[in-house]
């Protein structure tokens, strides 16, 4: 579906991270955790291609979608200058999101950097199901930490890791999760989103743990509809391998099916 979403607010959260509030009531009702919007940043040739952004939240009855993004290139730099009241042309909500299993608890969420965005949305869905929720969140340094408690349900148990040790656990968030599992944590199911090396690491570790694991892949996308086939990922199902498109077959996949 194509729509013009109105910019309600743009707020700087860290030195390079922003919260964008978009008003589009139909998108807000339809969106589910793990789906994304494909946004035309500017009505011009540069930047030409749309950019994919995970939906970080859609508060019930507000008609508003929350997008959390980091400035990493020309497109996101332009988006960081969006003005209130202007409109952005969006395709969405796109992709297949997370599918929690009723009755499985606790839910363990594993986030690396901006990969936390769809997991914030997922946490609210899980909270409605009265599940125990633990979020393991890792970034490079304290300067990149988002104010997560502002966006999370109050019952979420938050565990922080920074690569340089400036906040929380010192080291990769996958190591923090591994320590928690060694200490007795037994997830009912796990959900992960972040850089590919982090997802590959947790999927590899999970061959030994064998917990249900869903991963949301981050890939460059041109069309967002599966036509350009630029976001193909190799999947193994039933002993055979094939390619799937992250934009339409994902971005959420079974962690044990992805061929890393």
C-alpha atoms as a PDB file:
ATOM      1  CA  UNK A   1       0.000   0.000   0.000  1.00  0.00           C
ATOM      2  CA  UNK A   2       1.236   3.480  -0.879  1.00  0.00           C
ATOM      3  CA  UNK A   3       0.429   6.473   1.321  1.00  0.00           C
ATOM      4  CA  UNK A   4       1.624   9.931   2.293  1.00  0.00           C
ATOM      5  CA  UNK A   5       2.532   9.937   5.983  1.00  0.00           C
ATOM      6  CA  UNK A   6       2.631  13.288   7.762  1.00  0.00           C
ATOM      7  CA  UNK A   7       5.638  14.142   9.915  1.00  0.00           C
ATOM      8  CA  UNK A   8       4.335  14.899  13.405  1.00  0.00           C
ATOM      9  CA  UNK A   9       7.681  15.233  15.138  1.00  0.00           C
ATOM     10  CA  UNK A  10      11.389  14.556  14.773  1.00  0.00           C
ATOM     11  CA  UNK A  11      13.422  14.257  17.962  1.00  0.00           C
ATOM     12  CA  UNK A  12      17.135  13.725  18.440  1.00  0.00           C
ATOM     13  CA  UNK A  13      17.771  10.884  20.897  1.00  0.00           C
ATOM     14  CA  UNK A  14      21.583  10.619  20.768  1.00  0.00           C
ATOM     15  CA  UNK A  15      24.332  12.281  18.752  1.00  0.00           C
ATOM     16  CA  UNK A  16      23.257  10.380  15.621  1.00  0.00           C
ATOM     17  CA  UNK A  17      19.931   8.683  16.456  1.00  0.00           C
ATOM     18  CA  UNK A  18      16.451  10.101  15.896  1.00  0.00           C
ATOM     19  CA  UNK A  19      12.822   9.364  16.698  1.00  0.00           C
ATOM     20  CA  UNK A  20      10.447  10.099  13.820  1.00  0.00           C
ATOM     21  CA  UNK A  21       6.691  10.177  14.412  1.00  0.00           C
ATOM     22  CA  UNK A  22       4.572   9.629  11.309  1.00  0.00           C
ATOM     23  CA  UNK A  23       0.808  10.035  11.138  1.00  0.00           C
ATOM     24  CA  UNK A  24      -0.807   7.422   8.880  1.00  0.00           C
ATOM     25  CA  UNK A  25      -3.822   5.812  10.612  1.00  0.00           C
ATOM     26  CA  UNK A  26      -4.257   2.867   8.258  1.00  0.00           C
ATOM     27  CA  UNK A  27      -0.583   1.908   8.415  1.00  0.00           C
ATOM     28  CA  UNK A  28      -0.658   2.236  12.199  1.00  0.00           C
ATOM     29  CA  UNK A  29      -3.573  -0.210  12.482  1.00  0.00           C
ATOM     30  CA  UNK A  30      -2.072  -2.709  10.046  1.00  0.00           C
ATOM     31  CA  UNK A  31       1.543  -2.729  11.238  1.00  0.00           C
ATOM     32  CA  UNK A  32       2.864  -5.646  13.273  1.00  0.00           C
ATOM     33  CA  UNK A  33       6.252  -6.096  15.014  1.00  0.00           C
ATOM     34  CA  UNK A  34       8.999  -6.914  12.537  1.00  0.00           C
ATOM     35  CA  UNK A  35       7.392  -5.162   9.572  1.00  0.00           C
ATOM     36  CA  UNK A  36       8.883  -2.063   7.971  1.00  0.00           C
ATOM     37  CA  UNK A  37       8.061   1.043   5.967  1.00  0.00           C
ATOM     38  CA  UNK A  38       9.847   1.793   2.692  1.00  0.00           C
ATOM     39  CA  UNK A  39      10.160   5.565   2.759  1.00  0.00           C
ATOM     40  CA  UNK A  40      10.885   7.997  -0.059  1.00  0.00           C
ATOM     41  CA  UNK A  41      13.236  10.352   1.731  1.00  0.00           C
ATOM     42  CA  UNK A  42      12.907  13.238  -0.701  1.00  0.00           C
ATOM     43  CA  UNK A  43      10.900  13.920  -3.830  1.00  0.00           C
ATOM     44  CA  UNK A  44      13.972  14.244  -6.033  1.00  0.00           C
ATOM     45  CA  UNK A  45      16.577  12.157  -7.834  1.00  0.00           C
ATOM     46  CA  UNK A  46      18.974  12.300  -4.900  1.00  0.00           C
ATOM     47  CA  UNK A  47      18.508  10.236  -2.857  1.00  0.00           C
ATOM     48  CA  UNK A  48      16.507   8.279  -5.435  1.00  0.00           C
ATOM     49  CA  UNK A  49      15.806   4.910  -3.809  1.00  0.00           C
ATOM     50  CA  UNK A  50      13.452   4.442  -0.876  1.00  0.00           C
ATOM     51  CA  UNK A  51      14.947   3.419   2.469  1.00  0.00           C
ATOM     52  CA  UNK A  52      13.561   0.641   4.708  1.00  0.00           C
ATOM     53  CA  UNK A  53      12.853   1.468   8.376  1.00  0.00           C
ATOM     54  CA  UNK A  54      11.499  -0.947  10.965  1.00  0.00           C
ATOM     55  CA  UNK A  55       8.378   0.130  12.814  1.00  0.00           C
ATOM     56  CA  UNK A  56       9.421   0.707  16.418  1.00  0.00           C
ATOM     57  CA  UNK A  57       5.893   1.207  17.700  1.00  0.00           C
ATOM     58  CA  UNK A  58       2.295   2.036  16.855  1.00  0.00           C
ATOM     59  CA  UNK A  59       0.453   3.092  20.038  1.00  0.00           C
ATOM     60  CA  UNK A  60      -3.173   1.889  19.867  1.00  0.00           C
ATOM     61  CA  UNK A  61      -5.719   4.481  18.802  1.00  0.00           C
ATOM     62  CA  UNK A  62      -3.163   7.146  17.915  1.00  0.00           C
ATOM     63  CA  UNK A  63      -2.828   6.589  14.165  1.00  0.00           C
ATOM     64  CA  UNK A  64       0.910   7.167  14.590  1.00  0.00           C
ATOM     65  CA  UNK A  65       3.988   5.094  13.786  1.00  0.00           C
ATOM     66  CA  UNK A  66       7.310   5.406  15.579  1.00  0.00           C
ATOM     67  CA  UNK A  67      10.499   5.126  13.526  1.00  0.00           C
ATOM     68  CA  UNK A  68      13.909   5.115  15.225  1.00  0.00           C
ATOM     69  CA  UNK A  69      16.854   5.571  12.881  1.00  0.00           C
ATOM     70  CA  UNK A  70      20.556   6.373  12.844  1.00  0.00           C
ATOM     71  CA  UNK A  71      22.248   8.768  10.445  1.00  0.00           C
ATOM     72  CA  UNK A  72      24.663   6.580   8.484  1.00  0.00           C
ATOM     73  CA  UNK A  73      24.586   8.053   4.976  1.00  0.00           C
ATOM     74  CA  UNK A  74      23.088  10.639   2.659  1.00  0.00           C
ATOM     75  CA  UNK A  75      19.523   9.306   2.844  1.00  0.00           C
ATOM     76  CA  UNK A  76      19.288   9.239   6.633  1.00  0.00           C
ATOM     77  CA  UNK A  77      21.084  12.608   6.829  1.00  0.00           C
ATOM     78  CA  UNK A  78      18.324  14.119   4.672  1.00  0.00           C
ATOM     79  CA  UNK A  79      15.647  12.393   6.759  1.00  0.00           C
ATOM     80  CA  UNK A  80      17.148  13.886   9.935  1.00  0.00           C
ATOM     81  CA  UNK A  81      16.184  17.301   8.556  1.00  0.00           C
ATOM     82  CA  UNK A  82      12.501  16.441   7.952  1.00  0.00           C
ATOM     83  CA  UNK A  83      10.129  19.252   8.897  1.00  0.00           C
ATOM     84  CA  UNK A  84       6.934  18.954  10.917  1.00  0.00           C
ATOM     85  CA  UNK A  85       3.813  18.972   8.789  1.00  0.00           C
ATOM     86  CA  UNK A  86       5.523  17.766   5.633  1.00  0.00           C
ATOM     87  CA  UNK A  87       4.633  14.415   4.076  1.00  0.00           C
ATOM     88  CA  UNK A  88       6.771  11.397   3.208  1.00  0.00           C
ATOM     89  CA  UNK A  89       5.599   8.909   0.605  1.00  0.00           C
ATOM     90  CA  UNK A  90       5.727   5.413   2.086  1.00  0.00           C
ATOM     91  CA  UNK A  91       5.095   1.838   1.055  1.00  0.00           C
ATOM     92  CA  UNK A  92       3.937  -0.398   3.846  1.00  0.00           C
ATOM     93  CA  UNK A  93       3.592  -2.049   6.151  1.00  0.00           C
ATOM     94  CA  UNK A  94       5.880  -4.507   4.333  1.00  0.00           C
ATOM     95  CA  UNK A  95       7.357  -7.897   5.116  1.00  0.00           C
ATOM     96  CA  UNK A  96       6.564 -10.736   7.465  1.00  0.00           C
ATOM     97  CA  UNK A  97       7.079  -9.998  11.130  1.00  0.00           C
ATOM     98  CA  UNK A  98       7.629 -11.893  14.356  1.00  0.00           C
ATOM     99  CA  UNK A  99       5.196 -14.634  15.310  1.00  0.00           C
ATOM    100  CA  UNK A 100       5.266 -15.304  19.064  1.00  0.00           C
ATOM    101  CA  UNK A 101       3.990 -18.690  20.191  1.00  0.00           C
ATOM    102  CA  UNK A 102       1.190 -18.562  22.784  1.00  0.00           C
ATOM    103  CA  UNK A 103       2.225 -20.022  26.112  1.00  0.00           C
ATOM    104  CA  UNK A 104       5.998 -19.900  25.582  1.00  0.00           C
ATOM    105  CA  UNK A 105       7.695 -17.832  28.273  1.00  0.00           C
ATOM    106  CA  UNK A 106       9.953 -16.113  29.081  1.00  0.00           C
ATOM    107  CA  UNK A 107      10.538 -14.261  25.822  1.00  0.00           C
ATOM    108  CA  UNK A 108      14.177 -13.265  25.339  1.00  0.00           C
ATOM    109  CA  UNK A 109      14.863 -10.361  22.976  1.00  0.00           C
ATOM    110  CA  UNK A 110      18.396  -9.833  21.648  1.00  0.00           C
ATOM    111  CA  UNK A 111      19.192  -6.464  20.045  1.00  0.00           C
ATOM    112  CA  UNK A 112      22.310  -4.996  18.503  1.00  0.00           C
ATOM    113  CA  UNK A 113      22.347  -1.258  17.804  1.00  0.00           C
ATOM    114  CA  UNK A 114      19.410  -0.085  15.686  1.00  0.00           C
ATOM    115  CA  UNK A 115      18.184  -3.679  15.658  1.00  0.00           C
ATOM    116  CA  UNK A 116      16.384  -2.798  18.859  1.00  0.00           C
ATOM    117  CA  UNK A 117      13.691  -0.859  16.958  1.00  0.00           C
ATOM    118  CA  UNK A 118      11.366  -3.744  15.934  1.00  0.00           C
ATOM    119  CA  UNK A 119      11.950  -5.447  19.282  1.00  0.00           C
ATOM    120  CA  UNK A 120      10.515  -2.428  21.109  1.00  0.00           C
ATOM    121  CA  UNK A 121       7.300  -2.932  19.141  1.00  0.00           C
ATOM    122  CA  UNK A 122       7.408  -6.675  19.829  1.00  0.00           C
ATOM    123  CA  UNK A 123       7.836  -6.102  23.574  1.00  0.00           C
ATOM    124  CA  UNK A 124       4.444  -4.373  23.745  1.00  0.00           C
ATOM    125  CA  UNK A 125       2.760  -7.274  21.962  1.00  0.00           C
ATOM    126  CA  UNK A 126       4.363  -9.771  24.336  1.00  0.00           C
ATOM    127  CA  UNK A 127       3.395  -7.652  27.354  1.00  0.00           C
ATOM    128  CA  UNK A 128      -0.267  -7.904  26.315  1.00  0.00           C
ATOM    129  CA  UNK A 129       0.131 -11.683  26.477  1.00  0.00           C
ATOM    130  CA  UNK A 130       1.375 -11.378  30.074  1.00  0.00           C
ATOM    131  CA  UNK A 131       4.714 -12.960  29.236  1.00  0.00           C
ATOM    132  CA  UNK A 132       7.930 -12.443  31.148  1.00  0.00           C
ATOM    133  CA  UNK A 133      10.231 -10.435  28.855  1.00  0.00           C
ATOM    134  CA  UNK A 134      13.992  -9.972  28.972  1.00  0.00           C
ATOM    135  CA  UNK A 135      15.777  -7.609  26.579  1.00  0.00           C
ATOM    136  CA  UNK A 136      19.528  -7.991  25.993  1.00  0.00           C
ATOM    137  CA  UNK A 137      20.693  -4.806  24.252  1.00  0.00           C
ATOM    138  CA  UNK A 138      24.205  -4.159  23.003  1.00  0.00           C
ATOM    139  CA  UNK A 139      25.934  -1.148  21.437  1.00  0.00           C
ATOM    140  CA  UNK A 140      29.521  -0.032  20.904  1.00  0.00           C
ATOM    141  CA  UNK A 141      29.623   2.588  23.674  1.00  0.00           C
ATOM    142  CA  UNK A 142      27.462   4.450  26.191  1.00  0.00           C
ATOM    143  CA  UNK A 143      27.089   7.345  23.735  1.00  0.00           C
ATOM    144  CA  UNK A 144      24.973   5.075  21.501  1.00  0.00           C
ATOM    145  CA  UNK A 145      22.566   3.912  24.196  1.00  0.00           C
ATOM    146  CA  UNK A 146      18.961   4.821  23.462  1.00  0.00           C
ATOM    147  CA  UNK A 147      16.584   5.797  26.302  1.00  0.00           C
ATOM    148  CA  UNK A 148      14.859   2.425  26.045  1.00  0.00           C
ATOM    149  CA  UNK A 149      12.791   2.625  29.220  1.00  0.00           C
ATOM    150  CA  UNK A 150      10.861   5.418  27.566  1.00  0.00           C
ATOM    151  CA  UNK A 151       9.731   3.009  24.823  1.00  0.00           C
ATOM    152  CA  UNK A 152       9.420  -0.286  26.699  1.00  0.00           C
ATOM    153  CA  UNK A 153       6.616  -1.745  28.830  1.00  0.00           C
ATOM    154  CA  UNK A 154       7.569  -1.388  32.516  1.00  0.00           C
ATOM    155  CA  UNK A 155       7.795  -5.146  33.134  1.00  0.00           C
ATOM    156  CA  UNK A 156      10.652  -5.683  30.651  1.00  0.00           C
ATOM    157  CA  UNK A 157      13.896  -6.775  32.340  1.00  0.00           C
ATOM    158  CA  UNK A 158      16.719  -4.879  30.611  1.00  0.00           C
ATOM    159  CA  UNK A 159      20.309  -6.150  30.311  1.00  0.00           C
ATOM    160  CA  UNK A 160      22.903  -3.806  28.754  1.00  0.00           C
ATOM    161  CA  UNK A 161      26.227  -4.533  27.074  1.00  0.00           C
ATOM    162  CA  UNK A 162      28.771  -2.175  25.516  1.00  0.00           C
ATOM    163  CA  UNK A 163      31.824  -3.221  23.545  1.00  0.00           C
ATOM    164  CA  UNK A 164      34.050  -0.782  25.461  1.00  0.00           C
ATOM    165  CA  UNK A 165      32.540  -1.410  28.898  1.00  0.00           C
ATOM    166  CA  UNK A 166      31.308   2.171  29.410  1.00  0.00           C
ATOM    167  CA  UNK A 167      27.895   0.860  30.503  1.00  0.00           C
ATOM    168  CA  UNK A 168      26.740  -2.544  31.670  1.00  0.00           C
ATOM    169  CA  UNK A 169      28.528  -5.702  30.595  1.00  0.00           C
ATOM    170  CA  UNK A 170      31.850  -5.265  28.794  1.00  0.00           C
ATOM    171  CA  UNK A 171      31.786  -7.190  25.536  1.00  0.00           C
ATOM    172  CA  UNK A 172      29.366  -8.389  22.885  1.00  0.00           C
ATOM    173  CA  UNK A 173      25.721  -8.763  23.830  1.00  0.00           C
ATOM    174  CA  UNK A 174      25.810 -12.389  22.643  1.00  0.00           C
ATOM    175  CA  UNK A 175      28.359 -13.133  25.372  1.00  0.00           C
ATOM    176  CA  UNK A 176      26.110 -11.478  27.962  1.00  0.00           C
ATOM    177  CA  UNK A 177      23.225 -13.668  26.823  1.00  0.00           C
ATOM    178  CA  UNK A 178      25.417 -16.775  26.946  1.00  0.00           C
ATOM    179  CA  UNK A 179      26.381 -15.981  30.555  1.00  0.00           C
ATOM    180  CA  UNK A 180      22.723 -15.576  31.509  1.00  0.00           C
ATOM    181  CA  UNK A 181      21.885 -18.957  29.962  1.00  0.00           C
ATOM    182  CA  UNK A 182      24.791 -20.568  31.791  1.00  0.00           C
ATOM    183  CA  UNK A 183      23.421 -18.995  34.956  1.00  0.00           C
ATOM    184  CA  UNK A 184      20.090 -20.775  34.578  1.00  0.00           C
ATOM    185  CA  UNK A 185      17.979 -18.647  32.226  1.00  0.00           C
ATOM    186  CA  UNK A 186      15.730 -20.888  30.100  1.00  0.00           C
ATOM    187  CA  UNK A 187      13.929 -18.973  27.344  1.00  0.00           C
ATOM    188  CA  UNK A 188      10.613 -20.152  26.037  1.00  0.00           C
ATOM    189  CA  UNK A 189      11.595 -18.524  22.733  1.00  0.00           C
ATOM    190  CA  UNK A 190      14.079 -15.938  21.472  1.00  0.00           C
ATOM    191  CA  UNK A 191      13.835 -13.045  19.026  1.00  0.00           C
ATOM    192  CA  UNK A 192      16.857 -11.223  17.611  1.00  0.00           C
ATOM    193  CA  UNK A 193      17.617  -8.259  15.363  1.00  0.00           C
ATOM    194  CA  UNK A 194      20.904  -6.538  14.690  1.00  0.00           C
ATOM    195  CA  UNK A 195      24.048  -6.704  12.571  1.00  0.00           C
ATOM    196  CA  UNK A 196      24.518  -9.901  10.601  1.00  0.00           C
ATOM    197  CA  UNK A 197      27.628 -11.040  12.594  1.00  0.00           C
ATOM    198  CA  UNK A 198      25.591 -10.843  15.818  1.00  0.00           C
ATOM    199  CA  UNK A 199      22.723 -12.835  14.313  1.00  0.00           C
ATOM    200  CA  UNK A 200      25.113 -15.405  12.894  1.00  0.00           C
ATOM    201  CA  UNK A 201      26.762 -15.750  16.306  1.00  0.00           C
ATOM    202  CA  UNK A 202      23.535 -16.300  18.226  1.00  0.00           C
ATOM    203  CA  UNK A 203      22.210 -18.717  15.585  1.00  0.00           C
ATOM    204  CA  UNK A 204      25.442 -20.697  15.862  1.00  0.00           C
ATOM    205  CA  UNK A 205      25.272 -20.751  19.658  1.00  0.00           C
ATOM    206  CA  UNK A 206      21.638 -21.794  19.482  1.00  0.00           C
ATOM    207  CA  UNK A 207      22.554 -25.038  17.716  1.00  0.00           C
ATOM    208  CA  UNK A 208      23.675 -26.109  21.156  1.00  0.00           C
ATOM    209  CA  UNK A 209      20.943 -24.377  23.150  1.00  0.00           C
ATOM    210  CA  UNK A 210      18.129 -25.403  20.776  1.00  0.00           C
ATOM    211  CA  UNK A 211      15.624 -22.713  21.779  1.00  0.00           C
ATOM    212  CA  UNK A 212      13.015 -21.472  19.287  1.00  0.00           C
ATOM    213  CA  UNK A 213      14.720 -18.511  17.589  1.00  0.00           C
ATOM    214  CA  UNK A 214      13.388 -15.923  15.143  1.00  0.00           C
ATOM    215  CA  UNK A 215      15.808 -13.449  13.541  1.00  0.00           C
ATOM    216  CA  UNK A 216      15.057 -10.224  11.692  1.00  0.00           C
ATOM    217  CA  UNK A 217      17.625  -9.657   8.945  1.00  0.00           C
ATOM    218  CA  UNK A 218      18.979  -6.259   7.998  1.00  0.00           C
ATOM    219  CA  UNK A 219      19.656  -6.034   4.250  1.00  0.00           C
ATOM    220  CA  UNK A 220      19.914  -3.280   1.640  1.00  0.00           C
ATOM    221  CA  UNK A 221      16.690  -3.034  -0.357  1.00  0.00           C
ATOM    222  CA  UNK A 222      15.867  -1.261  -3.609  1.00  0.00           C
ATOM    223  CA  UNK A 223      12.217  -2.036  -4.370  1.00  0.00           C
ATOM    224  CA  UNK A 224      10.985  -3.507  -1.064  1.00  0.00           C
ATOM    225  CA  UNK A 225       8.577  -5.762  -2.981  1.00  0.00           C
ATOM    226  CA  UNK A 226      10.758  -8.677  -4.095  1.00  0.00           C
ATOM    227  CA  UNK A 227      10.958  -7.611  -7.737  1.00  0.00           C
ATOM    228  CA  UNK A 228      14.596  -6.483  -7.891  1.00  0.00           C
ATOM    229  CA  UNK A 229      15.855  -9.553  -5.951  1.00  0.00           C
ATOM    230  CA  UNK A 230      18.603  -7.444  -4.431  1.00  0.00           C
ATOM    231  CA  UNK A 231      18.035  -8.657  -0.858  1.00  0.00           C
ATOM    232  CA  UNK A 232      18.207 -12.420  -1.438  1.00  0.00           C
ATOM    233  CA  UNK A 233      19.224 -14.681   1.436  1.00  0.00           C
ATOM    234  CA  UNK A 234      19.928 -18.408   1.291  1.00  0.00           C
ATOM    235  CA  UNK A 235      17.568 -20.581   3.334  1.00  0.00           C
ATOM    236  CA  UNK A 236      17.600 -24.298   4.109  1.00  0.00           C
ATOM    237  CA  UNK A 237      14.233 -26.024   4.477  1.00  0.00           C
ATOM    238  CA  UNK A 238      13.554 -29.760   4.485  1.00  0.00           C
ATOM    239  CA  UNK A 239      17.152 -30.588   3.618  1.00  0.00           C
ATOM    240  CA  UNK A 240      17.124 -28.378   0.504  1.00  0.00           C
ATOM    241  CA  UNK A 241      18.427 -24.842   0.049  1.00  0.00           C
ATOM    242  CA  UNK A 242      16.853 -21.988  -1.882  1.00  0.00           C
ATOM    243  CA  UNK A 243      16.835 -18.208  -1.959  1.00  0.00           C
ATOM    244  CA  UNK A 244      14.252 -15.983  -0.302  1.00  0.00           C
ATOM    245  CA  UNK A 245      13.781 -12.214  -0.462  1.00  0.00           C
ATOM    246  CA  UNK A 246      14.271 -10.443   2.862  1.00  0.00           C
ATOM    247  CA  UNK A 247      11.788  -7.701   1.922  1.00  0.00           C
ATOM    248  CA  UNK A 248       8.786  -9.952   1.238  1.00  0.00           C
ATOM    249  CA  UNK A 249       9.628 -13.452   2.562  1.00  0.00           C
ATOM    250  CA  UNK A 250      11.138 -11.879   5.691  1.00  0.00           C
ATOM    251  CA  UNK A 251      12.646  -9.863   7.211  1.00  0.00           C
ATOM    252  CA  UNK A 252      11.914 -12.376   9.997  1.00  0.00           C
ATOM    253  CA  UNK A 253      13.122 -15.952   9.491  1.00  0.00           C
ATOM    254  CA  UNK A 254      13.681 -19.036  11.603  1.00  0.00           C
ATOM    255  CA  UNK A 255      17.239 -18.617  12.882  1.00  0.00           C
ATOM    256  CA  UNK A 256      18.143 -22.224  12.137  1.00  0.00           C
ATOM    257  CA  UNK A 257      16.991 -22.014   8.516  1.00  0.00           C
ATOM    258  CA  UNK A 258      19.251 -19.149   7.452  1.00  0.00           C
ATOM    259  CA  UNK A 259      22.471 -20.244   5.737  1.00  0.00           C
ATOM    260  CA  UNK A 260      24.927 -17.737   7.114  1.00  0.00           C
END
